[in-house]
Amino acid sequence: MKRYPLFFTITLLMLICIAYPVQAYIITIDAPKTMIKGTPLTVTGSTSFPEDSYFDLVLFYSKYTAGEVARTRVIVDKTQVFRVDFDTRNLEKGQYKVEVHNVVSDNELFVERQLGSSSVVRKIVQITDRSDEITLTSPQSQQIAQALTISGRMRGIGDGVLTVRLFGPDEFMHGPQQVITKKGFADNSGEFSTTIPVPSSGEYQASISDKSGYIGEYTFTVSDPSQSEVTALTTEPTEEPTSAPTPVITPETIITPPSPTPIQSSFPFISLLSAIIGAVFILNKKD
């Protein structure tokens, strides 16, 4: 009879272990199923890992074979929730996936099979591209006196409204500005135009969206010809006065007076000697 309390105690402990198994760490992530190229891909999530644990969120392009596009490290804080934004402006449209990799807690590496069964460590995202729905008719290189004119045509919008935001140098921002589109004669495209004064030359990005969301970002370059002329004037080299060229004397240009020849210098002496010899000859002949 004395064994029963021990037997019941062991049985109760086993039942407790079965009813309340040891819980594994959990990580769950969430991301939109579809999104438009140019808007940030926002990945949110939560975890039961303790503070200062960390892991990588990796974005892969999975059109044919998975190729890594971007990677961000998440460090768990006391809230145990997180958010990561991936830039999609330079991505191709297509299928992507976000995955959790390299989970480390207390210097221990955890693989996927060690995580709790309710963990979600992988999400598929489809990125679409709407930027080709707009055809720009204004030049993308403009002078500041006329800048910045944004005009074009959007496919299928007809009579509608577009929202334009403009970003430029020195943290310049303009908008959101509502721009009315007018239906064309040939089809249901909507034509639009607006001019936004800008403070300086440089590169500007116009972000355009409609009631369905983000469409695309379009780049314009603004130049200031007056600044170019000032720069040219200040950098133009000044001409220094030049002195008269020093003549180059070559051996052919040196003129020296001719020296007397030996015949010219000895001619008076020879003439005198000939006269003396002739006189002596005459005198001898008289004798």
C-alpha atoms as a PDB file:
ATOM      1  CA  MET A   1       0.000   0.000   0.000  1.00  0.00           C
ATOM      2  CA  LYS A   2       2.901   2.323   0.628  1.00  0.00           C
ATOM      3  CA  ARG A   3       3.933   2.052  -3.049  1.00  0.00           C
ATOM      4  CA  TYR A   4       0.744   3.605  -4.370  1.00  0.00           C
ATOM      5  CA  PRO A   5       1.599   7.230  -3.565  1.00  0.00           C
ATOM      6  CA  LEU A   6       4.923   6.931  -5.446  1.00  0.00           C
ATOM      7  CA  PHE A   7       3.241   5.175  -8.378  1.00  0.00           C
ATOM      8  CA  PHE A   8       0.552   7.852  -8.607  1.00  0.00           C
ATOM      9  CA  THR A   9       3.174  10.606  -8.412  1.00  0.00           C
ATOM     10  CA  ILE A  10       5.191   9.179 -11.309  1.00  0.00           C
ATOM     11  CA  THR A  11       2.053   8.637 -13.374  1.00  0.00           C
ATOM     12  CA  LEU A  12       0.908  12.197 -12.713  1.00  0.00           C
ATOM     13  CA  LEU A  13       4.281  13.610 -13.790  1.00  0.00           C
ATOM     14  CA  MET A  14       4.173  11.592 -17.033  1.00  0.00           C
ATOM     15  CA  LEU A  15       0.668  12.860 -17.772  1.00  0.00           C
ATOM     16  CA  ILE A  16       1.814  16.436 -17.153  1.00  0.00           C
ATOM     17  CA  CYS A  17       4.739  15.967 -19.543  1.00  0.00           C
ATOM     18  CA  ILE A  18       2.424  14.577 -22.196  1.00  0.00           C
ATOM     19  CA  ALA A  19      -0.123  17.350 -21.732  1.00  0.00           C
ATOM     20  CA  TYR A  20       2.473  20.114 -21.596  1.00  0.00           C
ATOM     21  CA  PRO A  21       5.387  19.173 -23.843  1.00  0.00           C
ATOM     22  CA  VAL A  22       8.507  21.328 -23.974  1.00  0.00           C
ATOM     23  CA  GLN A  23       7.805  24.172 -26.409  1.00  0.00           C
ATOM     24  CA  ALA A  24      10.359  24.853 -29.214  1.00  0.00           C
ATOM     25  CA  TYR A  25      11.213  28.367 -30.295  1.00  0.00           C
ATOM     26  CA  ILE A  26       8.897  29.916 -32.868  1.00  0.00           C
ATOM     27  CA  ILE A  27       9.539  32.325 -35.771  1.00  0.00           C
ATOM     28  CA  THR A  28       6.719  33.492 -38.025  1.00  0.00           C
ATOM     29  CA  ILE A  29       6.995  35.892 -40.963  1.00  0.00           C
ATOM     30  CA  ASP A  30       4.387  37.497 -43.194  1.00  0.00           C
ATOM     31  CA  ALA A  31       4.639  39.282 -46.558  1.00  0.00           C
ATOM     32  CA  PRO A  32       2.184  40.336 -49.302  1.00  0.00           C
ATOM     33  CA  LYS A  33       1.377  37.748 -51.957  1.00  0.00           C
ATOM     34  CA  THR A  34       1.594  40.333 -54.744  1.00  0.00           C
ATOM     35  CA  MET A  35       3.068  43.817 -54.906  1.00  0.00           C
ATOM     36  CA  ILE A  36       4.072  46.454 -57.450  1.00  0.00           C
ATOM     37  CA  LYS A  37       7.685  47.052 -58.379  1.00  0.00           C
ATOM     38  CA  GLY A  38       8.970  50.255 -56.798  1.00  0.00           C
ATOM     39  CA  THR A  39       7.092  49.998 -53.505  1.00  0.00           C
ATOM     40  CA  PRO A  40       8.979  48.566 -50.513  1.00  0.00           C
ATOM     41  CA  LEU A  41       8.488  44.868 -49.873  1.00  0.00           C
ATOM     42  CA  THR A  42       7.550  44.852 -46.187  1.00  0.00           C
ATOM     43  CA  VAL A  43       8.133  41.666 -44.202  1.00  0.00           C
ATOM     44  CA  THR A  44       6.773  41.547 -40.654  1.00  0.00           C
ATOM     45  CA  GLY A  45       6.978  38.849 -38.017  1.00  0.00           C
ATOM     46  CA  SER A  46       7.342  37.742 -34.434  1.00  0.00           C
ATOM     47  CA  THR A  47       9.405  35.201 -32.517  1.00  0.00           C
ATOM     48  CA  SER A  48       9.680  33.547 -29.146  1.00  0.00           C
ATOM     49  CA  PHE A  49      13.466  33.638 -29.226  1.00  0.00           C
ATOM     50  CA  PRO A  50      14.925  35.679 -26.357  1.00  0.00           C
ATOM     51  CA  GLU A  51      16.335  39.180 -26.700  1.00  0.00           C
ATOM     52  CA  ASP A  52      19.661  39.523 -28.577  1.00  0.00           C
ATOM     53  CA  SER A  53      19.039  36.393 -30.638  1.00  0.00           C
ATOM     54  CA  TYR A  54      19.411  37.082 -34.350  1.00  0.00           C
ATOM     55  CA  PHE A  55      18.724  35.668 -37.804  1.00  0.00           C
ATOM     56  CA  ASP A  56      18.842  36.698 -41.483  1.00  0.00           C
ATOM     57  CA  LEU A  57      15.903  37.504 -43.715  1.00  0.00           C
ATOM     58  CA  VAL A  58      16.943  36.688 -47.291  1.00  0.00           C
ATOM     59  CA  LEU A  59      15.152  37.712 -50.494  1.00  0.00           C
ATOM     60  CA  PHE A  60      15.552  35.322 -53.431  1.00  0.00           C
ATOM     61  CA  TYR A  61      14.550  35.703 -57.086  1.00  0.00           C
ATOM     62  CA  SER A  62      13.063  32.352 -58.037  1.00  0.00           C
ATOM     63  CA  LYS A  63      12.295  32.619 -61.759  1.00  0.00           C
ATOM     64  CA  TYR A  64      14.438  29.637 -62.747  1.00  0.00           C
ATOM     65  CA  THR A  65      16.820  28.955 -59.887  1.00  0.00           C
ATOM     66  CA  ALA A  66      16.889  30.785 -56.566  1.00  0.00           C
ATOM     67  CA  GLY A  67      19.334  33.673 -56.647  1.00  0.00           C
ATOM     68  CA  GLU A  68      19.913  35.851 -53.597  1.00  0.00           C
ATOM     69  CA  VAL A  69      18.844  39.473 -54.128  1.00  0.00           C
ATOM     70  CA  ALA A  70      19.117  41.035 -50.673  1.00  0.00           C
ATOM     71  CA  ARG A  71      19.816  40.067 -47.062  1.00  0.00           C
ATOM     72  CA  THR A  72      19.000  41.838 -43.787  1.00  0.00           C
ATOM     73  CA  ARG A  73      19.925  40.818 -40.247  1.00  0.00           C
ATOM     74  CA  VAL A  74      17.189  40.909 -37.607  1.00  0.00           C
ATOM     75  CA  ILE A  75      18.215  41.267 -33.961  1.00  0.00           C
ATOM     76  CA  VAL A  76      15.471  40.284 -31.529  1.00  0.00           C
ATOM     77  CA  ASP A  77      14.558  42.973 -29.008  1.00  0.00           C
ATOM     78  CA  LYS A  78      12.371  42.806 -25.950  1.00  0.00           C
ATOM     79  CA  THR A  79       9.185  43.223 -28.032  1.00  0.00           C
ATOM     80  CA  GLN A  80      10.035  40.060 -30.037  1.00  0.00           C
ATOM     81  CA  VAL A  81       8.412  41.562 -33.143  1.00  0.00           C
ATOM     82  CA  PHE A  82      10.222  42.849 -36.229  1.00  0.00           C
ATOM     83  CA  ARG A  83       9.793  44.531 -39.602  1.00  0.00           C
ATOM     84  CA  VAL A  84      12.096  44.617 -42.642  1.00  0.00           C
ATOM     85  CA  ASP A  85      11.673  46.629 -45.879  1.00  0.00           C
ATOM     86  CA  PHE A  86      13.323  45.467 -49.106  1.00  0.00           C
ATOM     87  CA  ASP A  87      13.872  47.980 -51.934  1.00  0.00           C
ATOM     88  CA  THR A  88      12.264  46.727 -55.151  1.00  0.00           C
ATOM     89  CA  ARG A  89      12.925  49.659 -57.517  1.00  0.00           C
ATOM     90  CA  ASN A  90      15.690  47.837 -59.389  1.00  0.00           C
ATOM     91  CA  LEU A  91      14.134  44.364 -59.343  1.00  0.00           C
ATOM     92  CA  GLU A  92      12.658  42.542 -62.320  1.00  0.00           C
ATOM     93  CA  LYS A  93       9.037  41.556 -62.222  1.00  0.00           C
ATOM     94  CA  GLY A  94       8.482  37.911 -61.352  1.00  0.00           C
ATOM     95  CA  GLN A  95       8.330  35.486 -58.436  1.00  0.00           C
ATOM     96  CA  TYR A  96      10.398  35.996 -55.287  1.00  0.00           C
ATOM     97  CA  LYS A  97      10.602  34.317 -51.912  1.00  0.00           C
ATOM     98  CA  VAL A  98      11.611  35.503 -48.448  1.00  0.00           C
ATOM     99  CA  GLU A  99      13.246  33.000 -46.093  1.00  0.00           C
ATOM    100  CA  VAL A 100      14.655  32.874 -42.570  1.00  0.00           C
ATOM    101  CA  HIS A 101      18.296  31.754 -42.378  1.00  0.00           C
ATOM    102  CA  ASN A 102      21.108  31.449 -39.820  1.00  0.00           C
ATOM    103  CA  VAL A 103      19.129  31.578 -36.570  1.00  0.00           C
ATOM    104  CA  VAL A 104      21.496  32.056 -33.632  1.00  0.00           C
ATOM    105  CA  SER A 105      20.593  32.275 -29.943  1.00  0.00           C
ATOM    106  CA  ASP A 106      23.018  32.104 -27.032  1.00  0.00           C
ATOM    107  CA  ASN A 107      25.787  31.192 -29.506  1.00  0.00           C
ATOM    108  CA  GLU A 108      23.801  28.173 -30.706  1.00  0.00           C
ATOM    109  CA  LEU A 109      22.825  27.752 -34.355  1.00  0.00           C
ATOM    110  CA  PHE A 110      19.255  26.572 -34.925  1.00  0.00           C
ATOM    111  CA  VAL A 111      18.180  24.860 -38.130  1.00  0.00           C
ATOM    112  CA  GLU A 112      14.615  24.826 -39.440  1.00  0.00           C
ATOM    113  CA  ARG A 113      13.752  21.402 -38.075  1.00  0.00           C
ATOM    114  CA  GLN A 114      14.574  22.577 -34.538  1.00  0.00           C
ATOM    115  CA  LEU A 115      11.939  25.304 -34.671  1.00  0.00           C
ATOM    116  CA  GLY A 116       8.405  24.863 -33.433  1.00  0.00           C
ATOM    117  CA  SER A 117       5.898  23.337 -35.834  1.00  0.00           C
ATOM    118  CA  SER A 118       3.876  26.550 -35.965  1.00  0.00           C
ATOM    119  CA  SER A 119       6.838  28.493 -37.352  1.00  0.00           C
ATOM    120  CA  VAL A 120       6.498  30.157 -40.776  1.00  0.00           C
ATOM    121  CA  VAL A 121       9.944  30.811 -42.218  1.00  0.00           C
ATOM    122  CA  ARG A 122       9.158  31.136 -45.945  1.00  0.00           C
ATOM    123  CA  LYS A 123       6.863  33.359 -48.040  1.00  0.00           C
ATOM    124  CA  ILE A 124       6.327  33.591 -51.822  1.00  0.00           C
ATOM    125  CA  VAL A 125       5.877  37.085 -53.306  1.00  0.00           C
ATOM    126  CA  GLN A 126       4.889  38.009 -56.865  1.00  0.00           C
ATOM    127  CA  ILE A 127       6.247  41.383 -58.035  1.00  0.00           C
ATOM    128  CA  THR A 128       4.428  43.080 -60.905  1.00  0.00           C
ATOM    129  CA  ASP A 129       5.551  46.097 -62.945  1.00  0.00           C
ATOM    130  CA  ARG A 130       3.105  48.878 -63.894  1.00  0.00           C
ATOM    131  CA  SER A 131       5.667  51.452 -65.039  1.00  0.00           C
ATOM    132  CA  ASP A 132       4.980  50.634 -68.708  1.00  0.00           C
ATOM    133  CA  GLU A 133       1.358  51.762 -68.296  1.00  0.00           C
ATOM    134  CA  ILE A 134       2.605  55.352 -68.597  1.00  0.00           C
ATOM    135  CA  THR A 135       4.294  56.800 -71.688  1.00  0.00           C
ATOM    136  CA  LEU A 136       6.064  60.107 -71.057  1.00  0.00           C
ATOM    137  CA  THR A 137       5.722  62.803 -73.727  1.00  0.00           C
ATOM    138  CA  SER A 138       7.767  65.465 -71.932  1.00  0.00           C
ATOM    139  CA  PRO A 139      11.569  65.321 -72.343  1.00  0.00           C
ATOM    140  CA  GLN A 140      13.422  63.711 -69.480  1.00  0.00           C
ATOM    141  CA  SER A 141      16.227  66.298 -69.848  1.00  0.00           C
ATOM    142  CA  GLN A 142      14.987  69.857 -69.339  1.00  0.00           C
ATOM    143  CA  GLN A 143      16.352  73.342 -68.650  1.00  0.00           C
ATOM    144  CA  ILE A 144      15.497  74.943 -65.332  1.00  0.00           C
ATOM    145  CA  ALA A 145      13.597  77.838 -66.949  1.00  0.00           C
ATOM    146  CA  GLN A 146      10.922  75.394 -68.149  1.00  0.00           C
ATOM    147  CA  ALA A 147      11.319  72.732 -65.469  1.00  0.00           C
ATOM    148  CA  LEU A 148       9.844  70.634 -64.405  1.00  0.00           C
ATOM    149  CA  THR A 149       7.165  69.660 -66.895  1.00  0.00           C
ATOM    150  CA  ILE A 150       5.757  66.154 -66.491  1.00  0.00           C
ATOM    151  CA  SER A 151       3.363  65.110 -69.220  1.00  0.00           C
ATOM    152  CA  GLY A 152       2.374  61.842 -70.779  1.00  0.00           C
ATOM    153  CA  ARG A 153      -0.321  59.293 -71.438  1.00  0.00           C
ATOM    154  CA  MET A 154      -1.591  56.468 -69.228  1.00  0.00           C
ATOM    155  CA  ARG A 155      -3.120  53.370 -70.707  1.00  0.00           C
ATOM    156  CA  GLY A 156      -6.741  52.608 -69.787  1.00  0.00           C
ATOM    157  CA  ILE A 157      -7.357  55.400 -67.263  1.00  0.00           C
ATOM    158  CA  GLY A 158      -9.507  57.647 -69.481  1.00  0.00           C
ATOM    159  CA  ASP A 159     -10.846  60.605 -67.517  1.00  0.00           C
ATOM    160  CA  GLY A 160      -9.262  60.075 -64.147  1.00  0.00           C
ATOM    161  CA  VAL A 161      -6.845  61.339 -61.510  1.00  0.00           C
ATOM    162  CA  LEU A 162      -3.148  60.659 -60.946  1.00  0.00           C
ATOM    163  CA  THR A 163      -1.144  61.486 -57.833  1.00  0.00           C
ATOM    164  CA  VAL A 164       2.352  62.884 -58.396  1.00  0.00           C
ATOM    165  CA  ARG A 165       5.151  63.225 -55.848  1.00  0.00           C
ATOM    166  CA  LEU A 166       8.492  64.784 -56.772  1.00  0.00           C
ATOM    167  CA  PHE A 167      11.843  64.226 -55.023  1.00  0.00           C
ATOM    168  CA  GLY A 168      15.106  65.976 -55.851  1.00  0.00           C
ATOM    169  CA  PRO A 169      18.489  67.265 -54.657  1.00  0.00           C
ATOM    170  CA  ASP A 170      18.980  68.690 -51.158  1.00  0.00           C
ATOM    171  CA  GLU A 171      15.970  66.752 -49.827  1.00  0.00           C
ATOM    172  CA  PHE A 172      13.576  68.600 -52.152  1.00  0.00           C
ATOM    173  CA  MET A 173      10.019  67.230 -51.945  1.00  0.00           C
ATOM    174  CA  HIS A 174       6.788  68.253 -53.638  1.00  0.00           C
ATOM    175  CA  GLY A 175       3.330  66.773 -53.366  1.00  0.00           C
ATOM    176  CA  PRO A 176       1.240  64.770 -53.293  1.00  0.00           C
ATOM    177  CA  GLN A 177      -0.316  66.700 -56.179  1.00  0.00           C
ATOM    178  CA  GLN A 178      -3.485  65.615 -57.961  1.00  0.00           C
ATOM    179  CA  VAL A 179      -3.280  65.699 -61.778  1.00  0.00           C
ATOM    180  CA  ILE A 180      -6.379  65.288 -63.967  1.00  0.00           C
ATOM    181  CA  THR A 181      -6.214  62.984 -67.002  1.00  0.00           C
ATOM    182  CA  LYS A 182      -8.344  63.525 -70.097  1.00  0.00           C
ATOM    183  CA  LYS A 183      -9.507  60.745 -72.362  1.00  0.00           C
ATOM    184  CA  GLY A 184      -7.967  60.762 -75.818  1.00  0.00           C
ATOM    185  CA  PHE A 185      -9.815  60.316 -79.114  1.00  0.00           C
ATOM    186  CA  ALA A 186      -8.170  57.088 -80.251  1.00  0.00           C
ATOM    187  CA  ASP A 187      -8.575  54.891 -77.165  1.00  0.00           C
ATOM    188  CA  ASN A 188      -9.233  54.979 -73.431  1.00  0.00           C
ATOM    189  CA  SER A 189      -5.817  56.368 -72.593  1.00  0.00           C
ATOM    190  CA  GLY A 190      -5.711  59.439 -70.385  1.00  0.00           C
ATOM    191  CA  GLU A 191      -3.442  62.365 -71.224  1.00  0.00           C
ATOM    192  CA  PHE A 192      -1.983  64.483 -68.422  1.00  0.00           C
ATOM    193  CA  SER A 193       0.439  67.357 -67.898  1.00  0.00           C
ATOM    194  CA  THR A 194       1.717  69.412 -64.982  1.00  0.00           C
ATOM    195  CA  THR A 195       4.630  71.791 -64.374  1.00  0.00           C
ATOM    196  CA  ILE A 196       6.342  71.880 -60.990  1.00  0.00           C
ATOM    197  CA  PRO A 197       8.903  74.663 -60.368  1.00  0.00           C
ATOM    198  CA  VAL A 198      12.180  73.275 -59.054  1.00  0.00           C
ATOM    199  CA  PRO A 199      14.842  75.245 -57.141  1.00  0.00           C
ATOM    200  CA  SER A 200      18.032  73.974 -58.745  1.00  0.00           C
ATOM    201  CA  SER A 201      19.548  71.778 -61.395  1.00  0.00           C
ATOM    202  CA  GLY A 202      20.049  68.077 -60.747  1.00  0.00           C
ATOM    203  CA  GLU A 203      18.238  64.764 -60.933  1.00  0.00           C
ATOM    204  CA  TYR A 204      14.575  64.506 -59.922  1.00  0.00           C
ATOM    205  CA  GLN A 205      12.340  61.455 -59.422  1.00  0.00           C
ATOM    206  CA  ALA A 206       8.606  61.688 -60.093  1.00  0.00           C
ATOM    207  CA  SER A 207       6.557  59.024 -58.305  1.00  0.00           C
ATOM    208  CA  ILE A 208       3.137  58.475 -59.911  1.00  0.00           C
ATOM    209  CA  SER A 209       0.193  56.465 -58.579  1.00  0.00           C
ATOM    210  CA  ASP A 210      -3.551  56.101 -59.184  1.00  0.00           C
ATOM    211  CA  LYS A 211      -6.524  54.738 -57.267  1.00  0.00           C
ATOM    212  CA  SER A 212      -5.168  51.207 -57.704  1.00  0.00           C
ATOM    213  CA  GLY A 213      -1.847  52.138 -56.083  1.00  0.00           C
ATOM    214  CA  TYR A 214       1.702  52.786 -57.125  1.00  0.00           C
ATOM    215  CA  ILE A 215       2.507  52.872 -60.863  1.00  0.00           C
ATOM    216  CA  GLY A 216       6.155  53.786 -61.189  1.00  0.00           C
ATOM    217  CA  GLU A 217       9.020  56.220 -60.678  1.00  0.00           C
ATOM    218  CA  TYR A 218      10.370  58.332 -63.542  1.00  0.00           C
ATOM    219  CA  THR A 219      13.680  60.219 -63.590  1.00  0.00           C
ATOM    220  CA  PHE A 220      14.206  63.722 -64.988  1.00  0.00           C
ATOM    221  CA  THR A 221      17.474  65.653 -65.342  1.00  0.00           C
ATOM    222  CA  VAL A 222      17.332  69.444 -64.985  1.00  0.00           C
ATOM    223  CA  SER A 223      20.209  71.639 -66.209  1.00  0.00           C
ATOM    224  CA  ASP A 224      20.967  75.340 -65.747  1.00  0.00           C
ATOM    225  CA  PRO A 225      22.723  76.842 -68.819  1.00  0.00           C
ATOM    226  CA  SER A 226      23.508  80.102 -66.979  1.00  0.00           C
ATOM    227  CA  GLN A 227      25.540  78.199 -64.417  1.00  0.00           C
ATOM    228  CA  SER A 228      27.447  76.506 -67.219  1.00  0.00           C
ATOM    229  CA  GLU A 229      28.290  79.900 -68.771  1.00  0.00           C
ATOM    230  CA  VAL A 230      29.509  81.275 -65.429  1.00  0.00           C
ATOM    231  CA  THR A 231      31.673  78.228 -64.927  1.00  0.00           C
ATOM    232  CA  ALA A 232      33.096  78.573 -68.424  1.00  0.00           C
ATOM    233  CA  LEU A 233      33.935  82.263 -67.844  1.00  0.00           C
ATOM    234  CA  THR A 234      35.604  81.645 -64.507  1.00  0.00           C
ATOM    235  CA  THR A 235      37.648  78.751 -65.779  1.00  0.00           C
ATOM    236  CA  GLU A 236      38.710  80.301 -69.120  1.00  0.00           C
ATOM    237  CA  PRO A 237      42.517  80.777 -69.057  1.00  0.00           C
ATOM    238  CA  THR A 238      43.812  84.334 -69.428  1.00  0.00           C
ATOM    239  CA  GLU A 239      46.331  85.093 -72.137  1.00  0.00           C
ATOM    240  CA  GLU A 240      49.744  86.185 -70.908  1.00  0.00           C
ATOM    241  CA  PRO A 241      51.704  88.794 -72.924  1.00  0.00           C
ATOM    242  CA  THR A 242      54.213  87.125 -75.136  1.00  0.00           C
ATOM    243  CA  SER A 243      57.679  88.536 -75.817  1.00  0.00           C
ATOM    244  CA  ALA A 244      59.237  88.728 -79.253  1.00  0.00           C
ATOM    245  CA  PRO A 245      60.690  85.399 -80.262  1.00  0.00           C
ATOM    246  CA  THR A 246      64.416  85.030 -79.822  1.00  0.00           C
ATOM    247  CA  PRO A 247      66.001  84.407 -83.204  1.00  0.00           C
ATOM    248  CA  VAL A 248      67.654  81.089 -83.582  1.00  0.00           C
ATOM    249  CA  ILE A 249      71.133  81.407 -85.039  1.00  0.00           C
ATOM    250  CA  THR A 250      72.312  78.497 -87.071  1.00  0.00           C
ATOM    251  CA  PRO A 251      75.749  78.078 -88.624  1.00  0.00           C
ATOM    252  CA  GLU A 252      74.255  79.074 -91.975  1.00  0.00           C
ATOM    253  CA  THR A 253      73.086  82.427 -90.640  1.00  0.00           C
ATOM    254  CA  ILE A 254      76.474  83.509 -89.187  1.00  0.00           C
ATOM    255  CA  ILE A 255      78.116  85.910 -91.657  1.00  0.00           C
ATOM    256  CA  THR A 256      81.900  86.375 -91.363  1.00  0.00           C
ATOM    257  CA  PRO A 257      84.006  88.663 -93.580  1.00  0.00           C
ATOM    258  CA  PRO A 258      86.221  86.760 -96.007  1.00  0.00           C
ATOM    259  CA  SER A 259      89.878  86.553 -95.008  1.00  0.00           C
ATOM    260  CA  PRO A 260      92.447  87.705 -97.575  1.00  0.00           C
ATOM    261  CA  THR A 261      93.846  85.002 -99.714  1.00  0.00           C
ATOM    262  CA  PRO A 262      97.628  84.425 -99.733  1.00  0.00           C
ATOM    263  CA  ILE A 263      97.859  85.766-103.305  1.00  0.00           C
ATOM    264  CA  GLN A 264      96.223  89.079-102.380  1.00  0.00           C
ATOM    265  CA  SER A 265      98.438  89.616 -99.353  1.00  0.00           C
ATOM    266  CA  SER A 266     101.778  88.870-101.161  1.00  0.00           C
ATOM    267  CA  PHE A 267     101.084  90.671-104.493  1.00  0.00           C
ATOM    268  CA  PRO A 268     102.955  94.013-103.759  1.00  0.00           C
ATOM    269  CA  PHE A 269     106.093  92.122-102.626  1.00  0.00           C
ATOM    270  CA  ILE A 270     106.214  89.959-105.749  1.00  0.00           C
ATOM    271  CA  SER A 271     105.740  92.989-108.016  1.00  0.00           C
ATOM    272  CA  LEU A 272     108.652  94.812-106.349  1.00  0.00           C
ATOM    273  CA  LEU A 273     110.899  91.780-106.565  1.00  0.00           C
ATOM    274  CA  SER A 274     110.138  91.393-110.280  1.00  0.00           C
ATOM    275  CA  ALA A 275     111.009  95.056-110.914  1.00  0.00           C
ATOM    276  CA  ILE A 276     114.396  94.724-109.142  1.00  0.00           C
ATOM    277  CA  ILE A 277     115.283  91.564-111.046  1.00  0.00           C
ATOM    278  CA  GLY A 278     114.357  93.247-114.345  1.00  0.00           C
ATOM    279  CA  ALA A 279     116.514  96.316-113.586  1.00  0.00           C
ATOM    280  CA  VAL A 280     119.485  94.156-112.655  1.00  0.00           C
ATOM    281  CA  PHE A 281     119.108  92.191-115.890  1.00  0.00           C
ATOM    282  CA  ILE A 282     119.042  95.384-117.973  1.00  0.00           C
ATOM    283  CA  LEU A 283     122.141  96.835-116.267  1.00  0.00           C
ATOM    284  CA  ASN A 284     124.102  93.615-116.785  1.00  0.00           C
ATOM    285  CA  LYS A 285     123.218  93.619-120.452  1.00  0.00           C
ATOM    286  CA  LYS A 286     124.590  97.171-120.934  1.00  0.00           C
ATOM    287  CA  ASP A 287     127.891  96.160-119.443  1.00  0.00           C
END
